[in-house]
């Protein structure tokens, strides 16, 4: 059985790219286009890992992570951001993510990070 990953990003093109990469590696991908949808749907989706963009309108990735963690959901969370800013990375980790990946990144590095987190979980 493949691991299910909830991918959250307001940019549909980014969602499509990540979807192709992860499904190509055998993952089952569930998509959300904003932080509120991720918070609302996370219990129903039952992901093994969450990959979430930090910069989204209406609800930031950090806020979505906080709300997901407040529900008691302890799956690994990978924050995905275009901002290579140590304070943004620190805020994301404090919100409850396990690792922060700066985009663009190599697909093999993203997949390796996801596989490492799933192995530890």
Protein backbone atom coordinates (compact mmCIF):
# COMPACT_ATOMS: atom_id res chain seq x y z
CA UNK A 1 0.00 0.00 0.00
CA UNK A 2 1.37 3.40 -0.93
CA UNK A 3 1.79 6.28 1.45
CA UNK A 4 -0.76 9.08 1.13
CA UNK A 5 0.57 12.64 0.96
CA UNK A 6 -1.60 15.72 1.36
CA UNK A 7 -0.09 18.43 -0.87
CA UNK A 8 -1.25 21.97 -0.11
CA UNK A 9 -0.47 24.89 -2.44
CA UNK A 10 -2.51 27.75 -3.88
CA UNK A 11 -0.50 27.57 -7.12
CA UNK A 12 -2.17 24.89 -9.28
CA UNK A 13 0.92 24.60 -11.51
CA UNK A 14 3.06 23.78 -8.47
CA UNK A 15 0.45 21.27 -7.34
CA UNK A 16 0.50 19.62 -10.76
CA UNK A 17 4.30 19.37 -10.79
CA UNK A 18 4.53 17.94 -7.27
CA UNK A 19 1.65 15.58 -8.03
CA UNK A 20 3.47 14.14 -11.07
CA UNK A 21 6.74 13.77 -9.13
CA UNK A 22 5.16 12.06 -6.12
CA UNK A 23 2.78 9.82 -8.05
CA UNK A 24 5.75 8.81 -10.21
CA UNK A 25 7.43 7.62 -7.01
CA UNK A 26 4.37 5.58 -6.07
CA UNK A 27 2.76 7.94 -3.56
CA UNK A 28 -1.00 8.49 -3.35
CA UNK A 29 -1.51 12.27 -3.60
CA UNK A 30 -4.43 14.22 -2.14
CA UNK A 31 -4.55 17.92 -3.02
CA UNK A 32 -5.73 21.06 -1.24
CA UNK A 33 -5.52 24.53 -2.76
CA UNK A 34 -5.46 26.53 0.47
CA UNK A 35 -4.65 26.26 4.16
CA UNK A 36 -8.28 26.23 5.31
CA UNK A 37 -9.11 23.29 3.03
CA UNK A 38 -6.10 21.42 4.41
CA UNK A 39 -7.25 22.02 7.99
CA UNK A 40 -10.84 21.06 7.14
CA UNK A 41 -9.96 17.95 5.12
CA UNK A 42 -6.92 16.53 6.93
CA UNK A 43 -8.88 14.11 9.12
CA UNK A 44 -10.87 12.79 6.17
CA UNK A 45 -7.79 12.53 3.91
CA UNK A 46 -5.82 10.56 6.55
CA UNK A 47 -2.42 11.48 5.09
CA UNK A 48 0.81 9.80 6.14
CA UNK A 49 2.62 13.09 5.47
CA UNK A 50 1.68 16.69 4.63
CA UNK A 51 3.61 18.84 2.15
CA UNK A 52 2.47 22.45 2.53
CA UNK A 53 3.41 25.75 0.93
CA UNK A 54 4.00 28.52 3.47
CA UNK A 55 2.93 31.51 1.37
CA UNK A 56 -0.78 31.26 0.65
CA UNK A 57 -3.54 33.88 0.79
CA UNK A 58 -6.14 33.94 3.59
CA UNK A 59 -4.32 31.38 5.78
CA UNK A 60 -0.56 30.97 5.76
CA UNK A 61 1.03 27.56 5.79
CA UNK A 62 2.32 28.26 9.30
CA UNK A 63 -1.22 28.92 10.57
CA UNK A 64 -2.54 25.81 8.83
CA UNK A 65 0.26 23.76 10.43
CA UNK A 66 -0.64 25.17 13.88
CA UNK A 67 -4.31 24.30 13.38
CA UNK A 68 -3.52 20.81 12.11
CA UNK A 69 -1.24 20.18 15.09
CA UNK A 70 -3.92 21.54 17.45
CA UNK A 71 -6.20 18.73 16.22
CA UNK A 72 -3.66 16.26 17.58
CA UNK A 73 -2.49 15.16 14.12
CA UNK A 74 1.12 14.11 14.40
CA UNK A 75 2.02 13.01 10.86
CA UNK A 76 5.25 14.46 9.46
CA UNK A 77 4.87 17.88 7.85
CA UNK A 78 7.19 19.28 5.19
CA UNK A 79 6.97 23.03 4.67
CA UNK A 80 7.69 24.12 1.11
CA UNK A 81 8.67 27.75 0.49
CA UNK A 82 10.30 30.01 -2.07
CA UNK A 83 11.66 32.15 0.79
CA UNK A 84 15.20 31.21 1.73
CA UNK A 85 14.89 33.21 4.94
CA UNK A 86 16.05 31.69 8.24
CA UNK A 87 13.29 33.48 10.20
CA UNK A 88 10.58 32.00 7.93
CA UNK A 89 12.11 28.55 8.35
CA UNK A 90 12.28 29.02 12.13
CA UNK A 91 8.62 30.14 12.27
CA UNK A 92 7.56 27.08 10.26
CA UNK A 93 9.43 24.72 12.58
CA UNK A 94 7.95 26.44 15.63
CA UNK A 95 4.48 26.04 14.08
CA UNK A 96 5.08 22.30 14.00
CA UNK A 97 6.65 21.26 10.69
CA UNK A 98 9.41 18.69 10.65
CA UNK A 99 11.52 20.06 7.81
CA UNK A 100 11.54 23.08 5.51
CA UNK A 101 12.38 22.69 1.82
CA UNK A 102 13.23 25.77 -0.24
CA UNK A 103 11.86 25.78 -3.76
CA UNK A 104 12.88 25.28 -6.38
CA UNK A 105 14.54 22.05 -5.34
CA UNK A 106 15.57 18.90 -7.10
CA UNK A 107 12.75 16.36 -7.19
CA UNK A 108 15.08 13.61 -5.93
CA UNK A 109 15.95 15.74 -2.85
CA UNK A 110 12.27 16.32 -2.10
CA UNK A 111 11.44 12.63 -2.50
CA UNK A 112 14.42 11.59 -0.36
CA UNK A 113 13.35 13.96 2.44
CA UNK A 114 9.79 12.63 2.31
CA UNK A 115 10.97 9.02 2.36
CA UNK A 116 13.26 9.70 5.34
CA UNK A 117 10.40 11.27 7.32
CA UNK A 118 8.02 8.42 6.47
CA UNK A 119 10.64 5.89 7.59
CA UNK A 120 10.97 7.66 10.96
CA UNK A 121 7.20 8.01 11.48
